[in-house]
Amino acid sequence: MTRIVISGGGTGGHIYPAIAIAKEILQMEPEAEVLFIGGKGKRESRVIPDFGFNFVPIQVAGFPRRLSTRWFKVALKVPMGFIKSLMLLKRFSPRIVIGTGGYVCGPVLLGASLLHIPILIQEQNAMPGITNRIMGRWADEVHVPFPTAARFFAPGKTHITANPVRPEIASASGGRKKLGLKEDKLTIALIGGSQGASSINAAAVEALKYLREFSSTLQIIHQTGDSDFSTVKKAYDESPFENLVQSYFETMEDVYSATDLIVCRAGAMTLAEVTARGLPAVLIPYPFATGDHQTFNAQVLEKNGAAVMIRNGELTGERLANVLASLIQDKEKLLDMAKRSRSLGKPGSAREIARAVLSIIGSH
């Protein structure tokens, strides 16, 4: 039996590519056995079992960027996580280990390297994370979404492969009907990530007063996160806009299917889904992302004409409204942005990476 270990976590941007790759591997090799190793009590410990995969937690933590007492706690967890990873890998005997990022990958990939197990790394960002940059030295293959990321890894083993997304993201249809929205209205979605984004929420509420002239032809989907939900919902209820406001959407594929223009952060997986769907976007990079990688991600889409970027520090309700109004009134521009977005998206990338995984296994 072909046994495969996948490790990645901390954020959805590391978790969902891993799930997409695992699904494709099982499509191609139904008898394969996939084991996920992730952080104990982290988001992956809840999400991955929900998709039906076996999951084993290890103790992990990231080192604080500034010296503090937390360093001592982390220094204890890291060796424990490494020892457990080593034990799991010896017991499970995988043919390959796949890393999709996050500090949980560090001990797992290091253990694989010491045990001479082949490694494939999938990096999502234009500016690679520190774990992947370090462990990439020992990987058999590294898959990156943009040429700007490739320069951080050895040329001979680095491949430009779009971020893997679940197939339903690109194929979903009938989103407006499923969400109870009007079929004949232009639909804007504001998505701040699974936790919401306070700066986007505040700007959107302020923007409503500047966009009132479009209320008869425009409807809005807004994911707020938990903390701002009641405030944002009240603002929409007092506005003339058709709206669907929720703290979180379980079926993002339906939201994408219903959307004509999206306002969102510039996390790598969000952009992979946006381009797989071919949506024009207004991107507001999260300013505190590691290495400012969201700005690098957004710049790739902006330079290719698929998005407009607004820096978080420059975001106001008026600025957001002006950008949206200019796009709403220029249907040709929106169509062109959608076409350019679609040209950047590669819905089949998960299958491409799955093929690479099985090829590495075959060559060993």
Protein backbone atom coordinates (compact mmCIF):
# COMPACT_ATOMS: atom_id res chain seq x y z
CA MET A 1 0.00 0.00 0.00
CA THR A 2 1.20 3.52 -0.84
CA ARG A 3 1.45 5.50 2.38
CA ILE A 4 1.74 9.28 2.34
CA VAL A 5 2.19 11.83 5.11
CA ILE A 6 1.05 15.43 4.66
CA SER A 7 1.88 18.22 7.08
CA GLY A 8 0.78 21.84 7.06
CA GLY A 9 -1.24 24.07 9.29
CA GLY A 10 -1.82 27.13 11.38
CA THR A 11 -3.92 28.88 8.73
CA GLY A 12 -6.40 27.87 6.07
CA GLY A 13 -3.79 28.90 3.50
CA HIS A 14 -1.67 25.91 4.56
CA ILE A 15 -4.52 23.51 5.33
CA TYR A 16 -6.72 23.66 2.22
CA PRO A 17 -3.92 23.10 -0.33
CA ALA A 18 -3.00 19.97 1.62
CA ILE A 19 -6.60 18.75 1.48
CA ALA A 20 -6.85 19.49 -2.25
CA ILE A 21 -3.65 17.52 -2.95
CA ALA A 22 -4.78 14.61 -0.77
CA LYS A 23 -8.13 14.42 -2.56
CA GLU A 24 -6.44 14.27 -5.97
CA ILE A 25 -3.96 11.62 -4.82
CA LEU A 26 -6.84 9.42 -3.69
CA GLN A 27 -8.63 10.00 -7.00
CA MET A 28 -5.56 8.73 -8.83
CA GLU A 29 -4.53 6.09 -6.28
CA PRO A 30 -7.67 4.99 -4.38
CA GLU A 31 -5.77 2.43 -2.31
CA ALA A 32 -3.31 5.02 -0.96
CA GLU A 33 -3.31 5.72 2.77
CA VAL A 34 -2.92 9.38 3.71
CA LEU A 35 -1.99 10.55 7.21
CA PHE A 36 -2.01 14.21 8.23
CA ILE A 37 0.32 15.46 10.96
CA GLY A 38 -0.54 18.87 12.39
CA GLY A 39 -0.49 21.06 15.46
CA LYS A 40 -2.31 19.95 18.58
CA GLY A 41 -5.32 22.21 19.19
CA LYS A 42 -4.65 24.18 16.00
CA ARG A 43 -7.15 24.86 13.23
CA GLU A 44 -6.02 21.83 11.21
CA SER A 45 -6.97 19.52 14.11
CA ARG A 46 -10.61 20.53 13.53
CA VAL A 47 -10.74 21.03 9.76
CA ILE A 48 -8.87 17.98 8.45
CA PRO A 49 -10.93 15.29 10.28
CA ASP A 50 -14.08 17.00 8.95
CA PHE A 51 -12.87 16.08 5.45
CA GLY A 52 -12.54 12.43 6.49
CA PHE A 53 -8.76 12.20 6.76
CA ASN A 54 -6.73 10.57 9.52
CA PHE A 55 -5.04 13.22 11.65
CA VAL A 56 -2.37 12.94 14.34
CA PRO A 57 -1.46 16.01 16.43
CA ILE A 58 2.00 16.98 17.64
CA GLN A 59 3.12 19.69 20.05
CA VAL A 60 4.38 22.66 18.04
CA ALA A 61 4.81 26.40 18.42
CA GLY A 62 6.41 29.19 16.45
CA PHE A 63 9.27 31.17 17.93
CA PRO A 64 8.25 34.75 18.85
CA ARG A 65 9.91 37.40 16.71
CA ARG A 66 11.12 39.18 19.86
CA LEU A 67 12.99 37.61 22.75
CA SER A 68 10.60 36.90 25.62
CA THR A 69 9.74 34.22 28.17
CA ARG A 70 7.69 32.50 25.44
CA TRP A 71 10.98 31.41 23.87
CA PHE A 72 11.53 28.96 26.74
CA LYS A 73 8.08 27.40 26.34
CA VAL A 74 8.58 27.09 22.58
CA ALA A 75 12.08 25.65 23.07
CA LEU A 76 10.50 22.80 25.06
CA LYS A 77 7.73 22.10 22.55
CA VAL A 78 9.91 21.96 19.42
CA PRO A 79 12.05 18.94 20.51
CA MET A 80 8.91 17.14 21.70
CA GLY A 81 7.25 17.75 18.34
CA PHE A 82 10.32 16.52 16.49
CA ILE A 83 10.63 13.34 18.56
CA LYS A 84 6.94 12.51 18.05
CA SER A 85 7.25 13.25 14.31
CA LEU A 86 10.21 10.89 14.07
CA MET A 87 8.30 8.16 15.90
CA LEU A 88 5.22 8.61 13.70
CA LEU A 89 7.25 8.48 10.51
CA LYS A 90 9.09 5.34 11.60
CA ARG A 91 5.83 3.63 12.56
CA PHE A 92 3.83 4.71 9.49
CA SER A 93 6.70 4.28 6.97
CA PRO A 94 5.42 6.70 4.31
CA ARG A 95 6.77 6.63 0.76
CA ILE A 96 6.81 10.45 0.70
CA VAL A 97 6.17 13.43 3.01
CA ILE A 98 4.40 16.52 1.66
CA GLY A 99 4.77 19.89 3.39
CA THR A 100 2.43 22.81 2.71
CA GLY A 101 3.84 25.30 5.20
CA GLY A 102 3.45 26.53 8.74
CA TYR A 103 5.86 25.83 11.55
CA VAL A 104 4.31 22.39 12.14
CA CYS A 105 6.05 21.30 8.93
CA GLY A 106 9.50 21.93 10.39
CA PRO A 107 9.84 18.90 12.68
CA VAL A 108 7.94 16.62 10.27
CA LEU A 109 10.07 17.49 7.23
CA LEU A 110 13.27 17.39 9.28
CA GLY A 111 12.35 13.90 10.48
CA ALA A 112 11.65 12.82 6.90
CA SER A 113 15.03 14.16 5.79
CA LEU A 114 16.88 12.26 8.53
CA LEU A 115 15.01 9.07 7.64
CA HIS A 116 15.77 9.57 3.92
CA ILE A 117 12.08 9.76 3.02
CA PRO A 118 11.42 11.78 -0.18
CA ILE A 119 9.98 15.27 0.39
CA LEU A 120 7.73 17.48 -1.75
CA ILE A 121 7.04 21.05 -0.63
CA GLN A 122 4.12 23.15 -1.85
CA GLU A 123 4.62 26.87 -1.18
CA GLN A 124 1.61 29.16 -1.61
CA ASN A 125 3.08 32.65 -1.48
CA ALA A 126 5.11 34.95 -3.71
CA MET A 127 7.37 35.41 -0.65
CA PRO A 128 7.99 31.90 0.76
CA GLY A 129 7.61 31.15 4.45
CA ILE A 130 10.71 30.58 6.55
CA THR A 131 9.99 26.87 7.20
CA ASN A 132 9.68 26.07 3.51
CA ARG A 133 12.73 28.17 2.64
CA ILE A 134 14.86 26.22 5.11
CA MET A 135 13.48 22.76 4.38
CA GLY A 136 13.47 23.36 0.63
CA ARG A 137 17.20 22.57 0.64
CA TRP A 138 16.42 18.91 1.35
CA ALA A 139 13.26 18.55 -0.71
CA ASP A 140 13.11 16.43 -3.85
CA GLU A 141 10.70 18.89 -5.45
CA VAL A 142 9.36 22.34 -4.55
CA HIS A 143 6.19 23.67 -6.18
CA VAL A 144 5.63 27.44 -6.10
CA PRO A 145 2.81 29.52 -7.62
CA PHE A 146 4.85 32.47 -8.92
CA PRO A 147 8.29 32.91 -10.53
CA THR A 148 9.10 35.45 -7.80
CA ALA A 149 9.00 32.59 -5.26
CA ALA A 150 11.17 30.27 -7.33
CA ARG A 151 14.34 32.30 -6.71
CA PHE A 152 14.37 31.14 -3.08
CA PHE A 153 14.84 27.49 -4.08
CA ALA A 154 17.26 25.44 -6.16
CA PRO A 155 16.37 25.76 -9.88
CA GLY A 156 16.68 22.09 -10.74
CA LYS A 157 13.92 20.96 -8.40
CA THR A 158 11.60 23.97 -8.41
CA HIS A 159 8.39 23.96 -10.47
CA ILE A 160 5.94 26.79 -11.15
CA THR A 161 2.57 25.25 -10.27
CA ALA A 162 -0.50 27.25 -9.29
CA ASN A 163 -1.84 26.80 -5.79
CA PRO A 164 -4.08 23.74 -5.54
CA VAL A 165 -7.76 24.39 -4.95
CA ARG A 166 -10.67 22.05 -4.34
CA PRO A 167 -12.42 21.27 -7.67
CA GLU A 168 -15.81 22.52 -6.43
CA ILE A 169 -14.39 26.05 -6.12
CA ALA A 170 -14.15 26.36 -9.91
CA SER A 171 -17.14 24.21 -10.84
CA ALA A 172 -19.87 25.44 -8.43
CA SER A 173 -22.97 26.98 -10.00
CA GLY A 174 -26.30 28.42 -8.92
CA GLY A 175 -24.80 30.33 -6.02
CA ARG A 176 -27.32 33.18 -6.06
CA LYS A 177 -30.28 30.84 -5.88
CA LYS A 178 -28.69 28.82 -3.07
CA LEU A 179 -27.92 31.97 -1.10
CA GLY A 180 -31.33 33.56 -1.70
CA LEU A 181 -29.99 36.46 -3.78
CA LYS A 182 -31.45 38.25 -6.81
CA GLU A 183 -30.35 36.84 -10.17
CA ASP A 184 -30.42 40.17 -12.02
CA LYS A 185 -28.22 42.32 -9.72
CA LEU A 186 -24.48 42.90 -9.87
CA THR A 187 -23.05 41.15 -6.82
CA ILE A 188 -20.07 42.31 -4.78
CA ALA A 189 -18.60 40.05 -2.09
CA LEU A 190 -16.53 41.44 0.77
CA ILE A 191 -14.54 38.67 2.42
CA GLY A 192 -12.05 39.37 5.18
CA GLY A 193 -10.97 35.77 5.71
CA SER A 194 -12.42 33.22 8.13
CA GLN A 195 -11.88 35.61 11.07
CA GLY A 196 -13.11 38.67 9.20
CA ALA A 197 -11.09 41.87 8.84
CA SER A 198 -12.00 44.90 10.95
CA SER A 199 -10.47 47.45 8.58
CA ILE A 200 -12.44 46.05 5.62
CA ASN A 201 -15.61 45.90 7.72
CA ALA A 202 -15.28 49.52 8.82
CA ALA A 203 -14.49 50.76 5.30
CA ALA A 204 -17.41 48.81 3.83
CA VAL A 205 -19.89 50.29 6.31
CA GLU A 206 -18.63 53.80 5.52
CA ALA A 207 -18.66 53.08 1.76
CA LEU A 208 -22.38 52.30 1.77
CA LYS A 209 -23.31 55.99 1.95
CA TYR A 210 -21.13 56.79 -1.09
CA LEU A 211 -22.61 53.94 -3.14
CA ARG A 212 -26.32 54.62 -2.54
CA GLU A 213 -26.91 55.60 -6.16
CA PHE A 214 -26.18 51.97 -7.16
CA SER A 215 -28.56 50.38 -4.63
CA SER A 216 -31.19 49.46 -7.24
CA THR A 217 -28.70 47.46 -9.34
CA LEU A 218 -26.23 46.22 -6.71
CA GLN A 219 -26.37 43.55 -3.98
CA ILE A 220 -23.67 42.76 -1.44
CA ILE A 221 -22.40 39.60 0.27
CA HIS A 222 -20.29 40.32 3.35
CA GLN A 223 -18.39 37.92 5.61
CA THR A 224 -17.66 39.87 8.79
CA GLY A 225 -16.05 37.48 11.26
CA ASP A 226 -17.57 37.13 14.72
CA SER A 227 -16.48 40.34 16.45
CA ASP A 228 -17.96 42.86 13.97
CA PHE A 229 -21.04 40.94 12.87
CA SER A 230 -23.76 42.81 14.77
CA THR A 231 -22.37 46.27 13.92
CA VAL A 232 -21.97 45.50 10.22
CA LYS A 233 -25.34 43.73 9.96
CA LYS A 234 -27.09 46.74 11.52
CA ALA A 235 -25.44 49.10 9.00
CA TYR A 236 -26.63 46.99 6.06
CA ASP A 237 -30.14 46.65 7.48
CA GLU A 238 -30.34 50.45 7.66
CA SER A 239 -29.09 50.79 4.06
CA PRO A 240 -31.11 50.40 0.84
CA PHE A 241 -28.93 47.51 -0.41
CA GLU A 242 -30.00 43.92 -0.90
CA ASN A 243 -27.51 42.08 1.27
CA LEU A 244 -26.40 38.81 2.78
CA VAL A 245 -24.27 39.36 5.87
CA GLN A 246 -22.86 36.44 7.84
CA SER A 247 -20.00 36.02 10.28
CA TYR A 248 -18.74 33.05 8.27
CA PHE A 249 -19.74 31.16 5.12
CA GLU A 250 -19.33 27.39 5.24
CA THR A 251 -19.70 26.98 1.47
CA MET A 252 -17.37 29.54 -0.10
CA GLU A 253 -17.88 27.88 -3.47
CA ASP A 254 -21.47 29.20 -3.46
CA VAL A 255 -20.26 32.70 -2.58
CA TYR A 256 -17.77 32.65 -5.47
CA SER A 257 -20.44 31.31 -7.81
CA ALA A 258 -22.74 34.22 -6.92
CA THR A 259 -20.09 36.95 -7.16
CA ASP A 260 -19.21 39.40 -9.96
CA LEU A 261 -16.55 41.38 -8.07
CA ILE A 262 -14.76 40.47 -4.85
CA VAL A 263 -13.12 42.63 -2.17
CA CYS A 264 -10.72 40.57 -0.06
CA ARG A 265 -7.34 40.11 1.56
CA ALA A 266 -4.49 38.76 -0.56
CA GLY A 267 -3.72 35.47 1.13
CA ALA A 268 -2.28 32.98 -1.32
CA MET A 269 -5.16 30.51 -1.16
CA THR A 270 -7.79 33.22 -1.39
CA LEU A 271 -6.14 34.40 -4.59
CA ALA A 272 -5.85 30.86 -5.91
CA GLU A 273 -9.59 30.43 -5.44
CA VAL A 274 -10.38 33.87 -6.87
CA THR A 275 -8.33 33.19 -10.03
CA ALA A 276 -9.58 29.61 -10.38
CA ARG A 277 -13.04 31.16 -10.43
CA GLY A 278 -11.92 34.05 -12.70
CA LEU A 279 -13.17 36.87 -10.47
CA PRO A 280 -12.06 40.50 -10.77
CA ALA A 281 -10.82 41.65 -7.38
CA VAL A 282 -10.11 44.63 -5.15
CA LEU A 283 -7.27 43.41 -2.93
CA ILE A 284 -6.45 44.84 0.49
CA PRO A 285 -3.33 43.01 1.74
CA TYR A 286 -3.14 42.21 5.44
CA PRO A 287 -0.38 44.55 6.61
CA PHE A 288 1.05 42.28 9.32
CA ALA A 289 1.50 39.15 7.21
CA THR A 290 4.92 37.53 7.59
CA GLY A 291 7.41 39.21 5.25
CA ASP A 292 4.52 41.33 3.90
CA HIS A 293 3.83 38.41 1.59
CA GLN A 294 0.21 39.46 0.94
CA THR A 295 1.42 42.66 -0.72
CA PHE A 296 3.71 40.62 -2.99
CA ASN A 297 0.77 38.32 -3.81
CA ALA A 298 -1.52 41.26 -4.61
CA GLN A 299 1.08 42.92 -6.82
CA VAL A 300 1.22 39.83 -9.04
CA LEU A 301 -2.51 40.11 -9.79
CA GLU A 302 -2.43 43.88 -10.11
CA LYS A 303 0.47 43.82 -12.59
CA ASN A 304 -1.44 41.27 -14.66
CA GLY A 305 -4.56 43.46 -14.77
CA ALA A 306 -6.71 41.07 -12.72
CA ALA A 307 -7.04 43.23 -9.61
CA VAL A 308 -6.84 46.68 -8.06
CA MET A 309 -4.81 46.91 -4.85
CA ILE A 310 -5.57 49.26 -1.95
CA ARG A 311 -3.00 49.23 0.84
CA ASN A 312 -4.54 48.75 4.26
CA GLY A 313 -3.08 52.04 5.52
CA GLU A 314 -4.77 53.89 2.64
CA LEU A 315 -8.15 52.19 3.08
CA THR A 316 -11.12 54.43 3.81
CA GLY A 317 -14.78 54.07 3.02
CA GLU A 318 -14.56 56.83 0.42
CA ARG A 319 -11.50 55.30 -1.26
CA LEU A 320 -13.13 51.87 -1.40
CA ALA A 321 -16.37 53.34 -2.73
CA ASN A 322 -14.55 55.27 -5.46
CA VAL A 323 -12.73 52.15 -6.65
CA LEU A 324 -15.92 50.07 -6.60
CA ALA A 325 -17.94 52.78 -8.36
CA SER A 326 -15.39 53.06 -11.17
CA LEU A 327 -15.51 49.30 -11.74
CA ILE A 328 -19.29 49.00 -11.42
CA GLN A 329 -19.68 51.61 -14.16
CA ASP A 330 -17.13 50.03 -16.48
CA LYS A 331 -18.50 46.62 -17.49
CA GLU A 332 -15.81 46.19 -20.15
CA LYS A 333 -13.13 46.70 -17.51
CA LEU A 334 -14.75 44.11 -15.24
CA LEU A 335 -14.96 41.60 -18.09
CA ASP A 336 -11.31 42.18 -18.97
CA MET A 337 -10.23 41.77 -15.33
CA ALA A 338 -12.24 38.54 -15.10
CA LYS A 339 -10.56 37.22 -18.25
CA ARG A 340 -7.11 38.11 -16.89
CA SER A 341 -7.94 36.58 -13.51
CA ARG A 342 -9.04 33.36 -15.18
CA SER A 343 -5.80 33.25 -17.18
CA LEU A 344 -3.84 33.23 -13.89
CA GLY A 345 -5.98 30.53 -12.31
CA LYS A 346 -5.25 26.85 -12.78
CA PRO A 347 -8.01 24.68 -11.31
CA GLY A 348 -6.08 21.52 -12.28
CA SER A 349 -2.99 22.32 -10.22
CA ALA A 350 -3.88 19.90 -7.40
CA ARG A 351 -3.89 17.06 -9.92
CA GLU A 352 -0.56 18.25 -11.33
CA ILE A 353 1.01 18.15 -7.86
CA ALA A 354 -0.58 14.76 -7.13
CA ARG A 355 1.04 13.42 -10.30
CA ALA A 356 4.38 14.78 -9.15
CA VAL A 357 3.93 13.06 -5.76
CA LEU A 358 3.24 9.67 -7.38
CA SER A 359 6.09 10.19 -9.83
CA ILE A 360 8.57 10.78 -6.98
CA ILE A 361 7.28 7.65 -5.23
CA GLY A 362 7.74 5.68 -8.46
CA SER A 363 11.27 6.94 -9.01
CA HIS A 364 12.29 5.79 -5.52
